[in-house]
């Protein structure tokens, strides 16, 4: 009778099929004032589109003055990009902007990045320049 052996392989918490939501990662930039203006101009430069695994992680309520502000926190898991992603970037997903709060190399393998983000608002960039 032949003996059966079980082949062990590394268990993955993320597979390529999990990356099914399309996102845009943009870099916030500040330019020098134009002509007689004293206010600097802000803008966004988009990186190529990326596919991500999107997870909602909870909701925080913050008190600011006389308002109660709700900030949803999300995690976007993407393939390890060619360019560095920092907290100066924003993520655009389903018409909403998310500030990148932290960047983590998933399992320290250089395969996936986990972006912890907080919801900023709508995709209308002019409304989000503060």
N, C-alpha and C. Protein backbone atom coordinates (compact mmCIF):
# COMPACT_ATOMS: atom_id res chain seq x y z
N UNK A 1 0.83 -1.17 0.00
CA UNK A 1 0.00 0.00 0.00
C UNK A 1 0.89 1.24 0.00
N UNK A 2 0.54 2.21 -0.87
CA UNK A 2 1.37 3.41 -0.97
C UNK A 2 1.07 4.38 0.17
N UNK A 3 2.07 5.11 0.49
CA UNK A 3 1.94 6.07 1.59
C UNK A 3 1.60 7.44 1.02
N UNK A 4 0.65 8.12 1.63
CA UNK A 4 0.26 9.46 1.19
C UNK A 4 0.97 10.50 2.03
N UNK A 5 1.50 11.52 1.36
CA UNK A 5 2.16 12.59 2.08
C UNK A 5 1.37 13.88 1.85
N UNK A 6 1.30 14.66 2.87
CA UNK A 6 0.64 15.96 2.77
C UNK A 6 1.71 17.00 2.48
N UNK A 7 1.54 17.72 1.39
CA UNK A 7 2.47 18.77 1.05
C UNK A 7 2.06 20.06 1.73
N UNK A 8 2.96 20.66 2.45
CA UNK A 8 2.68 21.92 3.14
C UNK A 8 3.03 23.09 2.22
N UNK A 9 2.18 24.10 2.21
CA UNK A 9 2.48 25.33 1.48
C UNK A 9 2.11 26.50 2.38
N UNK A 10 2.67 27.65 2.05
CA UNK A 10 2.42 28.78 2.93
C UNK A 10 0.97 29.24 2.81
N UNK A 11 0.40 29.51 3.95
CA UNK A 11 -0.98 29.96 4.00
C UNK A 11 -1.02 31.45 3.77
N UNK A 12 -1.88 31.90 2.91
CA UNK A 12 -1.98 33.32 2.60
C UNK A 12 -3.28 33.88 3.16
N UNK A 13 -3.17 35.06 3.75
CA UNK A 13 -4.35 35.75 4.23
C UNK A 13 -4.94 36.60 3.11
N UNK A 14 -4.14 36.87 2.08
CA UNK A 14 -4.58 37.67 0.94
C UNK A 14 -4.25 36.91 -0.34
N UNK A 15 -5.21 36.86 -1.24
CA UNK A 15 -4.94 36.29 -2.56
C UNK A 15 -5.25 37.36 -3.60
N UNK A 16 -4.80 37.14 -4.82
CA UNK A 16 -5.01 38.14 -5.86
C UNK A 16 -6.49 38.36 -6.15
N UNK A 17 -7.34 37.38 -5.87
CA UNK A 17 -8.77 37.53 -6.07
C UNK A 17 -9.42 38.48 -5.09
N UNK A 18 -8.75 38.75 -3.97
CA UNK A 18 -9.27 39.69 -2.99
C UNK A 18 -9.15 41.13 -3.46
N UNK A 19 -8.22 41.40 -4.37
CA UNK A 19 -7.97 42.75 -4.85
C UNK A 19 -8.94 43.06 -5.99
N UNK A 20 -10.18 43.36 -5.65
CA UNK A 20 -11.22 43.50 -6.68
C UNK A 20 -11.82 44.90 -6.77
N UNK A 21 -11.37 45.83 -5.93
CA UNK A 21 -11.90 47.20 -5.97
C UNK A 21 -10.85 48.13 -6.55
N UNK A 22 -11.28 48.96 -7.52
CA UNK A 22 -10.35 49.87 -8.17
C UNK A 22 -10.26 51.17 -7.40
N UNK A 23 -9.03 51.61 -7.13
CA UNK A 23 -8.81 52.85 -6.38
C UNK A 23 -7.80 53.71 -7.14
N UNK A 24 -7.75 54.99 -6.78
CA UNK A 24 -6.74 55.91 -7.30
C UNK A 24 -5.96 56.42 -6.09
N UNK A 25 -4.65 56.42 -6.20
CA UNK A 25 -3.81 56.97 -5.15
C UNK A 25 -3.22 58.27 -5.68
N UNK A 26 -3.43 59.38 -4.96
CA UNK A 26 -2.97 60.69 -5.39
C UNK A 26 -2.02 61.28 -4.35
N UNK A 27 -1.09 62.09 -4.84
CA UNK A 27 -0.15 62.78 -3.97
C UNK A 27 -0.60 64.22 -3.81
N UNK A 28 -0.77 64.66 -2.55
CA UNK A 28 -1.10 66.06 -2.30
C UNK A 28 0.15 66.89 -2.51
N UNK A 29 0.01 68.00 -3.23
CA UNK A 29 1.17 68.86 -3.46
C UNK A 29 0.79 70.32 -3.26
N UNK A 30 1.76 71.10 -2.82
CA UNK A 30 1.56 72.53 -2.61
C UNK A 30 2.52 73.26 -3.54
N UNK A 31 1.98 74.19 -4.32
CA UNK A 31 2.79 74.98 -5.25
C UNK A 31 2.93 76.40 -4.72
N UNK A 32 3.96 77.07 -5.18
CA UNK A 32 4.20 78.46 -4.77
C UNK A 32 3.06 79.35 -5.25
N UNK A 33 2.84 80.47 -4.56
CA UNK A 33 1.78 81.39 -4.99
C UNK A 33 1.99 81.88 -6.43
N UNK A 34 0.88 82.07 -7.14
CA UNK A 34 0.93 82.52 -8.52
C UNK A 34 0.82 84.04 -8.56
N UNK A 35 1.73 84.70 -9.27
CA UNK A 35 1.75 86.16 -9.50
C UNK A 35 1.58 86.92 -8.19
N UNK A 36 0.54 87.76 -8.08
CA UNK A 36 0.36 88.63 -6.93
C UNK A 36 -0.33 87.94 -5.76
N UNK A 37 -0.74 86.71 -5.94
CA UNK A 37 -1.44 85.98 -4.89
C UNK A 37 -0.49 85.64 -3.75
N UNK A 38 -1.00 85.61 -2.55
CA UNK A 38 -0.18 85.25 -1.40
C UNK A 38 -0.47 83.83 -0.93
N UNK A 39 -1.58 83.26 -1.37
CA UNK A 39 -1.97 81.92 -0.94
C UNK A 39 -1.34 80.87 -1.86
N UNK A 40 -0.73 79.85 -1.28
CA UNK A 40 -0.20 78.78 -2.13
C UNK A 40 -1.34 77.98 -2.74
N UNK A 41 -1.09 77.38 -3.88
CA UNK A 41 -2.12 76.55 -4.52
C UNK A 41 -1.82 75.09 -4.21
N UNK A 42 -2.89 74.35 -3.94
CA UNK A 42 -2.74 72.94 -3.64
C UNK A 42 -3.33 72.14 -4.79
N UNK A 43 -2.79 70.97 -4.99
CA UNK A 43 -3.29 70.12 -6.05
C UNK A 43 -3.01 68.66 -5.75
N UNK A 44 -3.46 67.81 -6.64
CA UNK A 44 -3.28 66.37 -6.50
C UNK A 44 -2.70 65.83 -7.80
N UNK A 45 -1.70 64.99 -7.70
CA UNK A 45 -1.18 64.31 -8.89
C UNK A 45 -1.43 62.82 -8.72
N UNK A 46 -2.14 62.24 -9.68
CA UNK A 46 -2.57 60.85 -9.58
C UNK A 46 -1.46 59.88 -9.98
N UNK A 47 -1.36 58.79 -9.23
CA UNK A 47 -0.53 57.66 -9.62
C UNK A 47 -1.42 56.76 -10.47
N UNK A 48 -0.86 55.78 -11.15
CA UNK A 48 -1.72 54.88 -11.95
C UNK A 48 -2.77 54.19 -11.06
N UNK A 49 -3.87 53.79 -11.70
CA UNK A 49 -4.94 53.09 -10.98
C UNK A 49 -4.38 51.82 -10.34
N UNK A 50 -4.98 51.44 -9.24
CA UNK A 50 -4.54 50.25 -8.54
C UNK A 50 -5.76 49.45 -8.09
N UNK A 51 -5.57 48.16 -7.89
CA UNK A 51 -6.64 47.30 -7.38
C UNK A 51 -6.36 47.04 -5.92
N UNK A 52 -7.42 47.01 -5.12
CA UNK A 52 -7.24 46.91 -3.68
C UNK A 52 -8.30 46.02 -3.04
N UNK A 53 -7.94 45.52 -1.89
CA UNK A 53 -8.91 44.87 -1.00
C UNK A 53 -9.31 45.94 0.00
N UNK A 54 -10.60 46.22 0.11
CA UNK A 54 -11.08 47.30 0.96
C UNK A 54 -11.83 46.71 2.15
N UNK A 55 -11.45 47.14 3.35
CA UNK A 55 -12.12 46.70 4.56
C UNK A 55 -12.50 47.91 5.40
N UNK A 56 -13.74 47.94 5.87
CA UNK A 56 -14.16 48.97 6.81
C UNK A 56 -13.80 48.49 8.20
N UNK A 57 -13.07 49.32 8.93
CA UNK A 57 -12.56 48.90 10.23
C UNK A 57 -13.32 49.47 11.41
N UNK A 58 -14.22 50.39 11.20
CA UNK A 58 -14.96 50.93 12.33
C UNK A 58 -15.32 52.38 12.10
N UNK A 59 -15.78 53.01 13.16
CA UNK A 59 -16.19 54.41 13.06
C UNK A 59 -15.78 55.10 14.35
N UNK A 60 -15.20 56.27 14.20
CA UNK A 60 -14.80 57.07 15.36
C UNK A 60 -15.64 58.34 15.36
N UNK A 61 -16.03 58.76 16.51
CA UNK A 61 -16.75 60.02 16.67
C UNK A 61 -15.82 61.00 17.37
N UNK A 62 -15.60 62.14 16.75
CA UNK A 62 -14.74 63.16 17.32
C UNK A 62 -15.55 64.41 17.61
N UNK A 63 -15.23 65.07 18.71
CA UNK A 63 -15.91 66.29 19.07
C UNK A 63 -15.01 67.46 18.70
N UNK A 64 -15.52 68.38 17.86
CA UNK A 64 -14.74 69.53 17.41
C UNK A 64 -15.59 70.78 17.60
N UNK A 65 -15.27 71.56 18.63
CA UNK A 65 -16.05 72.77 18.89
C UNK A 65 -17.46 72.43 19.27
N UNK A 66 -18.42 72.78 18.42
CA UNK A 66 -19.82 72.48 18.68
C UNK A 66 -20.35 71.39 17.77
N UNK A 67 -19.45 70.73 17.02
CA UNK A 67 -19.88 69.69 16.07
C UNK A 67 -19.39 68.32 16.51
N UNK A 68 -20.12 67.32 16.09
CA UNK A 68 -19.70 65.95 16.27
C UNK A 68 -19.28 65.44 14.91
N UNK A 69 -18.00 65.14 14.74
CA UNK A 69 -17.48 64.71 13.45
C UNK A 69 -17.31 63.20 13.46
N UNK A 70 -17.79 62.54 12.40
CA UNK A 70 -17.62 61.11 12.28
C UNK A 70 -16.56 60.80 11.24
N UNK A 71 -15.57 60.01 11.60
CA UNK A 71 -14.53 59.64 10.67
C UNK A 71 -14.53 58.13 10.54
N UNK A 72 -14.85 57.62 9.37
CA UNK A 72 -14.80 56.18 9.14
C UNK A 72 -13.36 55.80 8.85
N UNK A 73 -12.94 54.68 9.36
CA UNK A 73 -11.59 54.21 9.07
C UNK A 73 -11.67 52.99 8.17
N UNK A 74 -10.82 52.98 7.18
CA UNK A 74 -10.77 51.89 6.21
C UNK A 74 -9.34 51.40 6.07
N UNK A 75 -9.20 50.16 5.62
CA UNK A 75 -7.90 49.62 5.27
C UNK A 75 -7.95 49.23 3.80
N UNK A 76 -6.99 49.71 3.04
CA UNK A 76 -6.84 49.36 1.63
C UNK A 76 -5.57 48.52 1.51
N UNK A 77 -5.70 47.30 1.03
CA UNK A 77 -4.55 46.43 0.82
C UNK A 77 -4.27 46.39 -0.67
N UNK A 78 -3.05 46.78 -1.06
CA UNK A 78 -2.67 46.83 -2.47
C UNK A 78 -1.39 46.04 -2.67
N UNK A 79 -1.11 45.69 -3.95
CA UNK A 79 0.18 45.08 -4.25
C UNK A 79 1.28 46.10 -3.99
N UNK A 80 2.46 45.63 -3.67
CA UNK A 80 3.57 46.53 -3.36
C UNK A 80 3.87 47.38 -4.59
N UNK A 81 3.77 48.71 -4.48
CA UNK A 81 3.92 49.57 -5.66
C UNK A 81 5.39 49.86 -6.00
N UNK A 82 5.60 50.40 -7.20
CA UNK A 82 6.94 50.81 -7.62
C UNK A 82 7.37 52.08 -6.90
N UNK A 83 6.41 52.93 -6.59
CA UNK A 83 6.71 54.20 -5.93
C UNK A 83 6.36 54.13 -4.46
N UNK A 84 7.06 54.94 -3.66
CA UNK A 84 6.76 54.99 -2.23
C UNK A 84 5.42 55.66 -1.98
N UNK A 85 4.66 55.14 -1.04
CA UNK A 85 3.41 55.75 -0.62
C UNK A 85 3.59 56.18 0.83
N UNK A 86 3.26 57.45 1.09
CA UNK A 86 3.45 58.02 2.42
C UNK A 86 2.13 58.61 2.92
N UNK A 87 2.19 59.27 4.05
CA UNK A 87 0.99 59.90 4.60
C UNK A 87 0.65 61.20 3.84
N UNK A 88 1.46 61.57 2.86
CA UNK A 88 1.14 62.72 2.00
C UNK A 88 0.19 62.34 0.88
N UNK A 89 -0.17 61.08 0.77
CA UNK A 89 -1.06 60.61 -0.29
C UNK A 89 -2.50 60.55 0.19
N UNK A 90 -3.42 60.53 -0.76
CA UNK A 90 -4.83 60.29 -0.49
C UNK A 90 -5.30 59.16 -1.41
N UNK A 91 -6.34 58.46 -0.99
CA UNK A 91 -6.93 57.39 -1.78
C UNK A 91 -8.31 57.85 -2.22
N UNK A 92 -8.63 57.66 -3.52
CA UNK A 92 -9.97 57.95 -4.03
C UNK A 92 -10.65 56.61 -4.29
N UNK A 93 -11.79 56.39 -3.62
CA UNK A 93 -12.53 55.14 -3.77
C UNK A 93 -14.02 55.45 -3.75
N UNK A 94 -14.71 55.06 -4.78
CA UNK A 94 -16.16 55.27 -4.93
C UNK A 94 -16.55 56.73 -4.72
N UNK A 95 -15.75 57.65 -5.26
CA UNK A 95 -16.08 59.07 -5.19
C UNK A 95 -15.77 59.75 -3.88
N UNK A 96 -15.09 59.07 -2.97
CA UNK A 96 -14.73 59.66 -1.68
C UNK A 96 -13.22 59.67 -1.52
N UNK A 97 -12.73 60.68 -0.80
CA UNK A 97 -11.30 60.79 -0.51
C UNK A 97 -11.01 60.23 0.87
N UNK A 98 -9.88 59.55 0.98
CA UNK A 98 -9.43 58.99 2.25
C UNK A 98 -7.99 59.42 2.48
N UNK A 99 -7.72 60.06 3.62
CA UNK A 99 -6.34 60.41 3.99
C UNK A 99 -5.60 59.15 4.41
N UNK A 100 -4.37 59.00 3.94
CA UNK A 100 -3.54 57.88 4.37
C UNK A 100 -2.96 58.24 5.73
N UNK A 101 -3.33 57.47 6.76
CA UNK A 101 -2.87 57.72 8.12
C UNK A 101 -1.60 56.95 8.44
N UNK A 102 -1.48 55.73 7.89
CA UNK A 102 -0.27 54.94 8.09
C UNK A 102 -0.13 53.92 6.96
N UNK A 103 1.10 53.49 6.75
CA UNK A 103 1.42 52.52 5.69
C UNK A 103 2.19 51.38 6.33
N UNK A 104 1.74 50.14 6.06
CA UNK A 104 2.37 48.97 6.67
C UNK A 104 2.66 47.93 5.60
N UNK A 105 3.84 47.34 5.66
CA UNK A 105 4.21 46.25 4.76
C UNK A 105 3.62 44.96 5.34
N UNK A 106 2.64 44.38 4.65
CA UNK A 106 1.91 43.22 5.15
C UNK A 106 2.87 42.04 5.30
N UNK A 107 2.99 41.50 6.49
CA UNK A 107 3.84 40.37 6.86
C UNK A 107 5.31 40.59 6.51
N UNK A 108 5.72 41.84 6.27
CA UNK A 108 7.12 42.20 5.98
C UNK A 108 7.72 41.36 4.85
N UNK A 109 6.93 41.06 3.82
CA UNK A 109 7.41 40.26 2.70
C UNK A 109 7.65 41.08 1.44
N UNK A 110 7.23 42.35 1.43
CA UNK A 110 7.40 43.17 0.24
C UNK A 110 6.45 42.80 -0.88
N UNK A 111 5.31 42.18 -0.54
CA UNK A 111 4.33 41.78 -1.55
C UNK A 111 3.11 42.69 -1.54
N UNK A 112 2.64 43.06 -0.34
CA UNK A 112 1.43 43.86 -0.20
C UNK A 112 1.67 45.00 0.79
N UNK A 113 0.96 46.11 0.56
CA UNK A 113 0.96 47.23 1.49
C UNK A 113 -0.45 47.38 2.05
N UNK A 114 -0.55 47.69 3.33
CA UNK A 114 -1.84 47.97 3.96
C UNK A 114 -1.86 49.46 4.29
N UNK A 115 -2.80 50.19 3.68
CA UNK A 115 -2.95 51.61 3.91
C UNK A 115 -4.10 51.82 4.88
N UNK A 116 -3.82 52.32 6.07
CA UNK A 116 -4.86 52.65 7.04
C UNK A 116 -5.29 54.09 6.75
N UNK A 117 -6.59 54.28 6.47
CA UNK A 117 -7.07 55.58 6.00
C UNK A 117 -8.28 56.05 6.79
N UNK A 118 -8.46 57.37 6.80
CA UNK A 118 -9.62 58.00 7.39
C UNK A 118 -10.38 58.76 6.32
N UNK A 119 -11.69 58.67 6.33
CA UNK A 119 -12.50 59.32 5.29
C UNK A 119 -12.40 60.83 5.40
N UNK A 120 -12.16 61.47 4.27
CA UNK A 120 -12.01 62.93 4.24
C UNK A 120 -13.24 63.61 3.66
N UNK A 121 -13.86 63.06 2.65
CA UNK A 121 -15.03 63.70 2.05
C UNK A 121 -15.24 63.27 0.62
N UNK A 122 -15.85 64.18 -0.16
CA UNK A 122 -16.18 63.83 -1.53
C UNK A 122 -14.97 63.98 -2.43
N UNK A 123 -15.12 63.53 -3.68
CA UNK A 123 -14.02 63.55 -4.64
C UNK A 123 -13.76 64.94 -5.19
N UNK A 124 -14.62 65.90 -4.85
CA UNK A 124 -14.43 67.28 -5.29
C UNK A 124 -13.18 67.81 -4.59
N UNK A 125 -12.07 67.84 -5.31
CA UNK A 125 -10.80 68.21 -4.71
C UNK A 125 -10.83 69.59 -4.08
N UNK A 126 -11.53 70.53 -4.66
CA UNK A 126 -11.57 71.89 -4.14
C UNK A 126 -12.14 71.94 -2.73
N UNK A 127 -13.04 71.04 -2.41
CA UNK A 127 -13.65 71.02 -1.08
C UNK A 127 -12.73 70.40 -0.04
N UNK A 128 -11.64 69.79 -0.48
CA UNK A 128 -10.78 69.04 0.44
C UNK A 128 -9.38 69.62 0.56
N UNK A 129 -9.21 70.87 0.23
CA UNK A 129 -7.87 71.45 0.25
C UNK A 129 -7.45 72.00 1.60
N UNK A 130 -8.33 72.01 2.59
CA UNK A 130 -7.94 72.49 3.90
C UNK A 130 -7.17 71.45 4.64
